[in-house]
Amino acid sequence: NGEQIAFASKSAERAFEEFRDVAESGGRFVYTTDP
């Protein structure tokens, strides 16, 4: 995490939208970058 260890997260609604965006764009495999 380097110097960026303070934790913060997206709302469940915004996170879900990003997964949906990937599916709608044709992607099928997703890796989250979250530590």
PDB file of all heavy atoms in Angstrom:
ATOM      1  N   ASN A   1       0.808  -1.220   0.000  1.00  0.00           N
ATOM      2  CA  ASN A   1       0.000   0.000   0.000  1.00  0.00           C
ATOM      3  C   ASN A   1       0.843   1.273   0.000  1.00  0.00           C
ATOM      4  O   ASN A   1       0.301   2.367  -0.112  1.00  0.00           O
ATOM      5  CB  ASN A   1      -0.930   0.011   1.217  1.00  0.00           C
ATOM      6  CG  ASN A   1      -2.010  -1.043   1.115  1.00  0.00           C
ATOM      7  OD1 ASN A   1      -2.955  -0.902   0.368  1.00  0.00           O
ATOM      8  ND2 ASN A   1      -1.840  -2.131   1.854  1.00  0.00           N
ATOM      9  N   GLY A   2       2.168   1.120   0.142  1.00  0.00           N
ATOM     10  CA  GLY A   2       3.012   2.296   0.179  1.00  0.00           C
ATOM     11  C   GLY A   2       2.596   3.232   1.288  1.00  0.00           C
ATOM     12  O   GLY A   2       2.346   2.821   2.419  1.00  0.00           O
ATOM     13  N   GLU A   3       2.479   4.493   0.961  1.00  0.00           N
ATOM     14  CA  GLU A   3       2.057   5.492   1.939  1.00  0.00           C
ATOM     15  C   GLU A   3       0.536   5.680   1.935  1.00  0.00           C
ATOM     16  O   GLU A   3       0.012   6.495   2.674  1.00  0.00           O
ATOM     17  CB  GLU A   3       2.747   6.817   1.626  1.00  0.00           C
ATOM     18  CG  GLU A   3       4.256   6.741   1.770  1.00  0.00           C
ATOM     19  CD  GLU A   3       4.955   8.050   1.427  1.00  0.00           C
ATOM     20  OE1 GLU A   3       4.524   8.724   0.475  1.00  0.00           O
ATOM     21  OE2 GLU A   3       5.927   8.390   2.120  1.00  0.00           O
ATOM     22  N   GLN A   4      -0.161   4.908   1.097  1.00  0.00           N
ATOM     23  CA  GLN A   4      -1.602   5.086   0.955  1.00  0.00           C
ATOM     24  C   GLN A   4      -2.348   3.975   1.690  1.00  0.00           C
ATOM     25  O   GLN A   4      -3.191   3.286   1.127  1.00  0.00           O
ATOM     26  CB  GLN A   4      -1.990   5.095  -0.532  1.00  0.00           C
ATOM     27  CG  GLN A   4      -1.046   5.824  -1.456  1.00  0.00           C
ATOM     28  CD  GLN A   4      -0.872   7.284  -1.097  1.00  0.00           C
ATOM     29  OE1 GLN A   4      -1.794   7.908  -0.607  1.00  0.00           O
ATOM     30  NE2 GLN A   4       0.306   7.821  -1.332  1.00  0.00           N
ATOM     31  N   ILE A   5      -2.061   3.787   2.962  1.00  0.00           N
ATOM     32  CA  ILE A   5      -2.636   2.653   3.681  1.00  0.00           C
ATOM     33  C   ILE A   5      -3.999   2.973   4.290  1.00  0.00           C
ATOM     34  O   ILE A   5      -4.761   2.077   4.642  1.00  0.00           O
ATOM     35  CB  ILE A   5      -1.660   2.163   4.772  1.00  0.00           C
ATOM     36  CG1 ILE A   5      -1.985   0.710   5.151  1.00  0.00           C
ATOM     37  CG2 ILE A   5      -1.676   3.091   5.991  1.00  0.00           C
ATOM     38  CD1 ILE A   5      -0.903   0.039   5.947  1.00  0.00           C
ATOM     39  N   ALA A   6      -4.351   4.257   4.408  1.00  0.00           N
ATOM     40  CA  ALA A   6      -5.655   4.629   4.967  1.00  0.00           C
ATOM     41  C   ALA A   6      -6.763   4.037   4.100  1.00  0.00           C
ATOM     42  O   ALA A   6      -6.763   4.173   2.873  1.00  0.00           O
ATOM     43  CB  ALA A   6      -5.783   6.143   5.036  1.00  0.00           C
ATOM     44  N   PHE A   7      -7.716   3.368   4.752  1.00  0.00           N
ATOM     45  CA  PHE A   7      -8.739   2.637   4.022  1.00  0.00           C
ATOM     46  C   PHE A   7      -9.928   3.527   3.677  1.00  0.00           C
ATOM     47  O   PHE A   7     -10.377   4.332   4.491  1.00  0.00           O
ATOM     48  CB  PHE A   7      -9.226   1.448   4.847  1.00  0.00           C
ATOM     49  CG  PHE A   7     -10.194   0.561   4.116  1.00  0.00           C
ATOM     50  CD1 PHE A   7      -9.745  -0.316   3.148  1.00  0.00           C
ATOM     51  CD2 PHE A   7     -11.553   0.616   4.392  1.00  0.00           C
ATOM     52  CE1 PHE A   7     -10.639  -1.144   2.465  1.00  0.00           C
ATOM     53  CE2 PHE A   7     -12.453  -0.200   3.720  1.00  0.00           C
ATOM     54  CZ  PHE A   7     -11.989  -1.080   2.751  1.00  0.00           C
ATOM     55  N   ALA A   8     -10.425   3.370   2.463  1.00  0.00           N
ATOM     56  CA  ALA A   8     -11.644   4.045   2.020  1.00  0.00           C
ATOM     57  C   ALA A   8     -12.300   3.161   0.975  1.00  0.00           C
ATOM     58  O   ALA A   8     -11.614   2.443   0.235  1.00  0.00           O
ATOM     59  CB  ALA A   8     -11.339   5.422   1.438  1.00  0.00           C
ATOM     60  N   SER A   9     -13.609   3.217   0.881  1.00  0.00           N
ATOM     61  CA  SER A   9     -14.311   2.350  -0.064  1.00  0.00           C
ATOM     62  C   SER A   9     -15.442   3.104  -0.745  1.00  0.00           C
ATOM     63  O   SER A   9     -15.921   4.135  -0.261  1.00  0.00           O
ATOM     64  CB  SER A   9     -14.864   1.119   0.648  1.00  0.00           C
ATOM     65  OG  SER A   9     -15.807   1.490   1.638  1.00  0.00           O
ATOM     66  N   LYS A  10     -15.865   2.571  -1.874  1.00  0.00           N
ATOM     67  CA  LYS A  10     -17.012   3.111  -2.588  1.00  0.00           C
ATOM     68  C   LYS A  10     -18.303   2.572  -1.969  1.00  0.00           C
ATOM     69  O   LYS A  10     -18.310   1.523  -1.325  1.00  0.00           O
ATOM     70  CB  LYS A  10     -16.941   2.724  -4.066  1.00  0.00           C
ATOM     71  CG  LYS A  10     -15.792   3.408  -4.803  1.00  0.00           C
ATOM     72  CD  LYS A  10     -15.689   2.959  -6.244  1.00  0.00           C
ATOM     73  CE  LYS A  10     -14.538   3.700  -6.937  1.00  0.00           C
ATOM     74  NZ  LYS A  10     -14.279   3.194  -8.297  1.00  0.00           N
ATOM     75  N   SER A  11     -19.366   3.308  -2.190  1.00  0.00           N
ATOM     76  CA  SER A  11     -20.668   2.804  -1.766  1.00  0.00           C
ATOM     77  C   SER A  11     -20.982   1.537  -2.542  1.00  0.00           C
ATOM     78  O   SER A  11     -20.475   1.317  -3.655  1.00  0.00           O
ATOM     79  CB  SER A  11     -21.747   3.852  -2.022  1.00  0.00           C
ATOM     80  OG  SER A  11     -21.898   4.065  -3.423  1.00  0.00           O
ATOM     81  N   ALA A  12     -21.815   0.698  -1.977  1.00  0.00           N
ATOM     82  CA  ALA A  12     -22.200  -0.531  -2.667  1.00  0.00           C
ATOM     83  C   ALA A  12     -22.868  -0.217  -4.004  1.00  0.00           C
ATOM     84  O   ALA A  12     -22.676  -0.944  -4.993  1.00  0.00           O
ATOM     85  CB  ALA A  12     -23.131  -1.352  -1.784  1.00  0.00           C
ATOM     86  N   GLU A  13     -23.626   0.888  -4.056  1.00  0.00           N
ATOM     87  CA  GLU A  13     -24.326   1.248  -5.293  1.00  0.00           C
ATOM     88  C   GLU A  13     -23.334   1.607  -6.390  1.00  0.00           C
ATOM     89  O   GLU A  13     -23.448   1.140  -7.532  1.00  0.00           O
ATOM     90  CB  GLU A  13     -25.278   2.418  -5.038  1.00  0.00           C
ATOM     91  CG  GLU A  13     -26.469   2.082  -4.160  1.00  0.00           C
ATOM     92  CD  GLU A  13     -26.112   1.923  -2.686  1.00  0.00           C
ATOM     93  OE1 GLU A  13     -25.019   2.395  -2.273  1.00  0.00           O
ATOM     94  OE2 GLU A  13     -26.908   1.325  -1.942  1.00  0.00           O
ATOM     95  N   ARG A  14     -22.325   2.446  -6.048  1.00  0.00           N
ATOM     96  CA  ARG A  14     -21.341   2.844  -7.059  1.00  0.00           C
ATOM     97  C   ARG A  14     -20.495   1.632  -7.473  1.00  0.00           C
ATOM     98  O   ARG A  14     -20.207   1.443  -8.670  1.00  0.00           O
ATOM     99  CB  ARG A  14     -20.445   3.949  -6.495  1.00  0.00           C
ATOM    100  CG  ARG A  14     -19.189   4.263  -7.318  1.00  0.00           C
ATOM    101  CD  ARG A  14     -19.481   4.834  -8.702  1.00  0.00           C
ATOM    102  NE  ARG A  14     -18.256   4.963  -9.473  1.00  0.00           N
ATOM    103  CZ  ARG A  14     -17.507   6.072  -9.516  1.00  0.00           C
ATOM    104  NH1 ARG A  14     -17.856   7.146  -8.829  1.00  0.00           N
ATOM    105  NH2 ARG A  14     -16.415   6.104 -10.257  1.00  0.00           N
ATOM    106  N   ALA A  15     -20.106   0.809  -6.515  1.00  0.00           N
ATOM    107  CA  ALA A  15     -19.317  -0.376  -6.848  1.00  0.00           C
ATOM    108  C   ALA A  15     -20.085  -1.289  -7.790  1.00  0.00           C
ATOM    109  O   ALA A  15     -19.538  -1.784  -8.791  1.00  0.00           O
ATOM    110  CB  ALA A  15     -18.921  -1.116  -5.573  1.00  0.00           C
ATOM    111  N   PHE A  16     -21.353  -1.518  -7.499  1.00  0.00           N
ATOM    112  CA  PHE A  16     -22.163  -2.384  -8.354  1.00  0.00           C
ATOM    113  C   PHE A  16     -22.236  -1.835  -9.774  1.00  0.00           C
ATOM    114  O   PHE A  16     -22.146  -2.584 -10.761  1.00  0.00           O
ATOM    115  CB  PHE A  16     -23.569  -2.544  -7.786  1.00  0.00           C
ATOM    116  CG  PHE A  16     -24.489  -3.315  -8.692  1.00  0.00           C
ATOM    117  CD1 PHE A  16     -24.408  -4.693  -8.772  1.00  0.00           C
ATOM    118  CD2 PHE A  16     -25.419  -2.648  -9.483  1.00  0.00           C
ATOM    119  CE1 PHE A  16     -25.242  -5.410  -9.618  1.00  0.00           C
ATOM    120  CE2 PHE A  16     -26.257  -3.356 -10.335  1.00  0.00           C
ATOM    121  CZ  PHE A  16     -26.161  -4.738 -10.408  1.00  0.00           C
ATOM    122  N   GLU A  17     -22.397  -0.511  -9.902  1.00  0.00           N
ATOM    123  CA  GLU A  17     -22.473   0.101 -11.230  1.00  0.00           C
ATOM    124  C   GLU A  17     -21.212  -0.179 -12.044  1.00  0.00           C
ATOM    125  O   GLU A  17     -21.278  -0.377 -13.268  1.00  0.00           O
ATOM    126  CB  GLU A  17     -22.687   1.611 -11.093  1.00  0.00           C
ATOM    127  CG  GLU A  17     -24.073   1.996 -10.576  1.00  0.00           C
ATOM    128  CD  GLU A  17     -24.160   3.472 -10.226  1.00  0.00           C
ATOM    129  OE1 GLU A  17     -23.158   4.201 -10.447  1.00  0.00           O
ATOM    130  OE2 GLU A  17     -25.209   3.901  -9.724  1.00  0.00           O
ATOM    131  N   GLU A  18     -20.059  -0.212 -11.375  1.00  0.00           N
ATOM    132  CA  GLU A  18     -18.817  -0.434 -12.116  1.00  0.00           C
ATOM    133  C   GLU A  18     -18.699  -1.888 -12.577  1.00  0.00           C
ATOM    134  O   GLU A  18     -18.195  -2.157 -13.674  1.00  0.00           O
ATOM    135  CB  GLU A  18     -17.624  -0.002 -11.267  1.00  0.00           C
ATOM    136  CG  GLU A  18     -17.669   1.488 -10.957  1.00  0.00           C
ATOM    137  CD  GLU A  18     -16.342   2.066 -10.521  1.00  0.00           C
ATOM    138  OE1 GLU A  18     -15.303   1.412 -10.732  1.00  0.00           O
ATOM    139  OE2 GLU A  18     -16.345   3.181  -9.975  1.00  0.00           O
ATOM    140  N   PHE A  19     -19.157  -2.818 -11.760  1.00  0.00           N
ATOM    141  CA  PHE A  19     -19.210  -4.198 -12.230  1.00  0.00           C
ATOM    142  C   PHE A  19     -20.165  -4.320 -13.414  1.00  0.00           C
ATOM    143  O   PHE A  19     -19.864  -5.005 -14.413  1.00  0.00           O
ATOM    144  CB  PHE A  19     -19.662  -5.125 -11.094  1.00  0.00           C
ATOM    145  CG  PHE A  19     -18.602  -5.402 -10.063  1.00  0.00           C
ATOM    146  CD1 PHE A  19     -18.673  -4.827  -8.808  1.00  0.00           C
ATOM    147  CD2 PHE A  19     -17.544  -6.242 -10.351  1.00  0.00           C
ATOM    148  CE1 PHE A  19     -17.709  -5.089  -7.850  1.00  0.00           C
ATOM    149  CE2 PHE A  19     -16.568  -6.512  -9.402  1.00  0.00           C
ATOM    150  CZ  PHE A  19     -16.650  -5.929  -8.148  1.00  0.00           C
ATOM    151  N   ARG A  20     -21.294  -3.658 -13.320  1.00  0.00           N
ATOM    152  CA  ARG A  20     -22.271  -3.723 -14.407  1.00  0.00           C
ATOM    153  C   ARG A  20     -21.702  -3.102 -15.685  1.00  0.00           C
ATOM    154  O   ARG A  20     -21.936  -3.608 -16.790  1.00  0.00           O
ATOM    155  CB  ARG A  20     -23.550  -2.993 -13.987  1.00  0.00           C
ATOM    156  CG  ARG A  20     -24.712  -3.138 -14.985  1.00  0.00           C
ATOM    157  CD  ARG A  20     -25.927  -2.398 -14.485  1.00  0.00           C
ATOM    158  NE  ARG A  20     -25.614  -0.971 -14.304  1.00  0.00           N
ATOM    159  CZ  ARG A  20     -26.342  -0.128 -13.555  1.00  0.00           C
ATOM    160  NH1 ARG A  20     -27.408  -0.575 -12.925  1.00  0.00           N
ATOM    161  NH2 ARG A  20     -26.001   1.139 -13.450  1.00  0.00           N
ATOM    162  N   ASP A  21     -20.939  -1.997 -15.537  1.00  0.00           N
ATOM    163  CA  ASP A  21     -20.316  -1.372 -16.710  1.00  0.00           C
ATOM    164  C   ASP A  21     -19.411  -2.354 -17.447  1.00  0.00           C
ATOM    165  O   ASP A  21     -19.394  -2.397 -18.685  1.00  0.00           O
ATOM    166  CB  ASP A  21     -19.491  -0.151 -16.287  1.00  0.00           C
ATOM    167  CG  ASP A  21     -20.357   1.025 -15.858  1.00  0.00           C
ATOM    168  OD1 ASP A  21     -21.574   0.995 -16.098  1.00  0.00           O
ATOM    169  OD2 ASP A  21     -19.790   1.972 -15.268  1.00  0.00           O
ATOM    170  N   VAL A  22     -18.633  -3.122 -16.690  1.00  0.00           N
ATOM    171  CA  VAL A  22     -17.731  -4.090 -17.317  1.00  0.00           C
ATOM    172  C   VAL A  22     -18.543  -5.131 -18.085  1.00  0.00           C
ATOM    173  O   VAL A  22     -18.229  -5.466 -19.235  1.00  0.00           O
ATOM    174  CB  VAL A  22     -16.838  -4.775 -16.265  1.00  0.00           C
ATOM    175  CG1 VAL A  22     -16.025  -5.903 -16.910  1.00  0.00           C
ATOM    176  CG2 VAL A  22     -15.902  -3.770 -15.611  1.00  0.00           C
ATOM    177  N   ALA A  23     -19.599  -5.644 -17.460  1.00  0.00           N
ATOM    178  CA  ALA A  23     -20.424  -6.663 -18.122  1.00  0.00           C
ATOM    179  C   ALA A  23     -21.049  -6.106 -19.396  1.00  0.00           C
ATOM    180  O   ALA A  23     -21.078  -6.791 -20.432  1.00  0.00           O
ATOM    181  CB  ALA A  23     -21.502  -7.161 -17.163  1.00  0.00           C
ATOM    182  N   GLU A  24     -21.535  -4.871 -19.344  1.00  0.00           N
ATOM    183  CA  GLU A  24     -22.198  -4.290 -20.508  1.00  0.00           C
ATOM    184  C   GLU A  24     -21.221  -3.965 -21.633  1.00  0.00           C
ATOM    185  O   GLU A  24     -21.612  -3.888 -22.797  1.00  0.00           O
ATOM    186  CB  GLU A  24     -22.964  -3.033 -20.087  1.00  0.00           C
ATOM    187  CG  GLU A  24     -24.179  -3.356 -19.204  1.00  0.00           C
ATOM    188  CD  GLU A  24     -24.909  -2.109 -18.728  1.00  0.00           C
ATOM    189  OE1 GLU A  24     -24.364  -0.992 -18.922  1.00  0.00           O
ATOM    190  OE2 GLU A  24     -26.015  -2.249 -18.169  1.00  0.00           O
ATOM    191  N   SER A  25     -19.941  -3.781 -21.283  1.00  0.00           N
ATOM    192  CA  SER A  25     -18.942  -3.483 -22.316  1.00  0.00           C
ATOM    193  C   SER A  25     -18.352  -4.753 -22.923  1.00  0.00           C
ATOM    194  O   SER A  25     -17.502  -4.673 -23.818  1.00  0.00           O
ATOM    195  CB  SER A  25     -17.813  -2.631 -21.732  1.00  0.00           C
ATOM    196  OG  SER A  25     -17.073  -3.360 -20.769  1.00  0.00           O
ATOM    197  N   GLY A  26     -18.786  -5.905 -22.463  1.00  0.00           N
ATOM    198  CA  GLY A  26     -18.322  -7.166 -23.038  1.00  0.00           C
ATOM    199  C   GLY A  26     -17.289  -7.897 -22.212  1.00  0.00           C
ATOM    200  O   GLY A  26     -16.892  -9.017 -22.555  1.00  0.00           O
ATOM    201  N   GLY A  27     -16.818  -7.296 -21.121  1.00  0.00           N
ATOM    202  CA  GLY A  27     -15.862  -7.973 -20.255  1.00  0.00           C
ATOM    203  C   GLY A  27     -16.521  -9.103 -19.486  1.00  0.00           C
ATOM    204  O   GLY A  27     -17.711  -9.041 -19.164  1.00  0.00           O
ATOM    205  N   ARG A  28     -15.745 -10.121 -19.190  1.00  0.00           N
ATOM    206  CA  ARG A  28     -16.290 -11.265 -18.457  1.00  0.00           C
ATOM    207  C   ARG A  28     -15.470 -11.612 -17.212  1.00  0.00           C
ATOM    208  O   ARG A  28     -15.956 -12.303 -16.335  1.00  0.00           O
ATOM    209  CB  ARG A  28     -16.380 -12.495 -19.376  1.00  0.00           C
ATOM    210  CG  ARG A  28     -17.437 -12.343 -20.473  1.00  0.00           C
ATOM    211  CD  ARG A  28     -18.824 -12.225 -19.868  1.00  0.00           C
ATOM    212  NE  ARG A  28     -19.878 -11.967 -20.858  1.00  0.00           N
ATOM    213  CZ  ARG A  28     -20.395 -10.773 -21.088  1.00  0.00           C
ATOM    214  NH1 ARG A  28     -19.937  -9.702 -20.433  1.00  0.00           N
ATOM    215  NH2 ARG A  28     -21.357 -10.613 -21.971  1.00  0.00           N
ATOM    216  N   PHE A  29     -14.224 -11.167 -17.156  1.00  0.00           N
ATOM    217  CA  PHE A  29     -13.364 -11.466 -16.015  1.00  0.00           C
ATOM    218  C   PHE A  29     -12.945 -10.166 -15.348  1.00  0.00           C
ATOM    219  O   PHE A  29     -12.419  -9.258 -16.006  1.00  0.00           O
ATOM    220  CB  PHE A  29     -12.131 -12.258 -16.455  1.00  0.00           C
ATOM    221  CG  PHE A  29     -12.466 -13.553 -17.129  1.00  0.00           C
ATOM    222  CD1 PHE A  29     -12.268 -13.725 -18.494  1.00  0.00           C
ATOM    223  CD2 PHE A  29     -13.005 -14.608 -16.404  1.00  0.00           C
ATOM    224  CE1 PHE A  29     -12.587 -14.907 -19.126  1.00  0.00           C
ATOM    225  CE2 PHE A  29     -13.325 -15.800 -17.026  1.00  0.00           C
ATOM    226  CZ  PHE A  29     -13.121 -15.956 -18.385  1.00  0.00           C
ATOM    227  N   VAL A  30     -13.179 -10.075 -14.045  1.00  0.00           N
ATOM    228  CA  VAL A  30     -12.916  -8.841 -13.294  1.00  0.00           C
ATOM    229  C   VAL A  30     -11.990  -9.154 -12.127  1.00  0.00           C
ATOM    230  O   VAL A  30     -12.236 -10.100 -11.374  1.00  0.00           O
ATOM    231  CB  VAL A  30     -14.224  -8.231 -12.742  1.00  0.00           C
ATOM    232  CG1 VAL A  30     -13.922  -7.045 -11.834  1.00  0.00           C
ATOM    233  CG2 VAL A  30     -15.134  -7.800 -13.885  1.00  0.00           C
ATOM    234  N   TYR A  31     -10.931  -8.370 -11.994  1.00  0.00           N
ATOM    235  CA  TYR A  31     -10.162  -8.444 -10.756  1.00  0.00           C
ATOM    236  C   TYR A  31     -10.268  -7.095 -10.044  1.00  0.00           C
ATOM    237  O   TYR A  31     -10.084  -6.038 -10.641  1.00  0.00           O
ATOM    238  CB  TYR A  31      -8.706  -8.847 -10.987  1.00  0.00           C
ATOM    239  CG  TYR A  31      -7.833  -7.837 -11.703  1.00  0.00           C
ATOM    240  CD1 TYR A  31      -7.118  -6.867 -10.997  1.00  0.00           C
ATOM    241  CD2 TYR A  31      -7.672  -7.882 -13.085  1.00  0.00           C
ATOM    242  CE1 TYR A  31      -6.302  -5.965 -11.643  1.00  0.00           C
ATOM    243  CE2 TYR A  31      -6.851  -6.986 -13.743  1.00  0.00           C
ATOM    244  CZ  TYR A  31      -6.165  -6.030 -13.020  1.00  0.00           C
ATOM    245  OH  TYR A  31      -5.349  -5.133 -13.663  1.00  0.00           O
ATOM    246  N   THR A  32     -10.647  -7.146  -8.783  1.00  0.00           N
ATOM    247  CA  THR A  32     -10.690  -5.917  -8.015  1.00  0.00           C
ATOM    248  C   THR A  32      -9.284  -5.596  -7.534  1.00  0.00           C
ATOM    249  O   THR A  32      -8.522  -6.488  -7.152  1.00  0.00           O
ATOM    250  CB  THR A  32     -11.633  -6.034  -6.807  1.00  0.00           C
ATOM    251  OG1 THR A  32     -11.163  -7.057  -5.938  1.00  0.00           O
ATOM    252  CG2 THR A  32     -13.046  -6.350  -7.262  1.00  0.00           C
ATOM    253  N   THR A  33      -8.935  -4.333  -7.555  1.00  0.00           N
ATOM    254  CA  THR A  33      -7.599  -3.913  -7.133  1.00  0.00           C
ATOM    255  C   THR A  33      -7.532  -3.657  -5.633  1.00  0.00           C
ATOM    256  O   THR A  33      -6.475  -3.291  -5.123  1.00  0.00           O
ATOM    257  CB  THR A  33      -7.184  -2.633  -7.877  1.00  0.00           C
ATOM    258  OG1 THR A  33      -8.064  -1.568  -7.515  1.00  0.00           O
ATOM    259  CG2 THR A  33      -7.220  -2.834  -9.378  1.00  0.00           C
ATOM    260  N   ASP A  34      -8.638  -3.863  -4.936  1.00  0.00           N
ATOM    261  CA  ASP A  34      -8.700  -3.586  -3.500  1.00  0.00           C
ATOM    262  C   ASP A  34      -7.698  -4.451  -2.736  1.00  0.00           C
ATOM    263  O   ASP A  34      -7.703  -5.682  -2.886  1.00  0.00           O
ATOM    264  CB  ASP A  34     -10.098  -3.892  -2.944  1.00  0.00           C
ATOM    265  CG  ASP A  34     -11.207  -3.252  -3.756  1.00  0.00           C
ATOM    266  OD1 ASP A  34     -10.953  -2.829  -4.892  1.00  0.00           O
ATOM    267  OD2 ASP A  34     -12.336  -3.199  -3.252  1.00  0.00           O
ATOM    268  N   PRO A  35      -6.881  -3.861  -1.872  1.00  0.00           N
ATOM    269  CA  PRO A  35      -6.008  -4.685  -1.035  1.00  0.00           C
ATOM    270  C   PRO A  35      -6.779  -5.568  -0.066  1.00  0.00           C
ATOM    271  O   PRO A  35      -6.259  -6.593   0.383  1.00  0.00           O
ATOM    272  CB  PRO A  35      -5.166  -3.648  -0.277  1.00  0.00           C
ATOM    273  CG  PRO A  35      -5.181  -2.434  -1.156  1.00  0.00           C
ATOM    274  CD  PRO A  35      -6.548  -2.427  -1.763  1.00  0.00           C
TER     275      PRO A  35
END
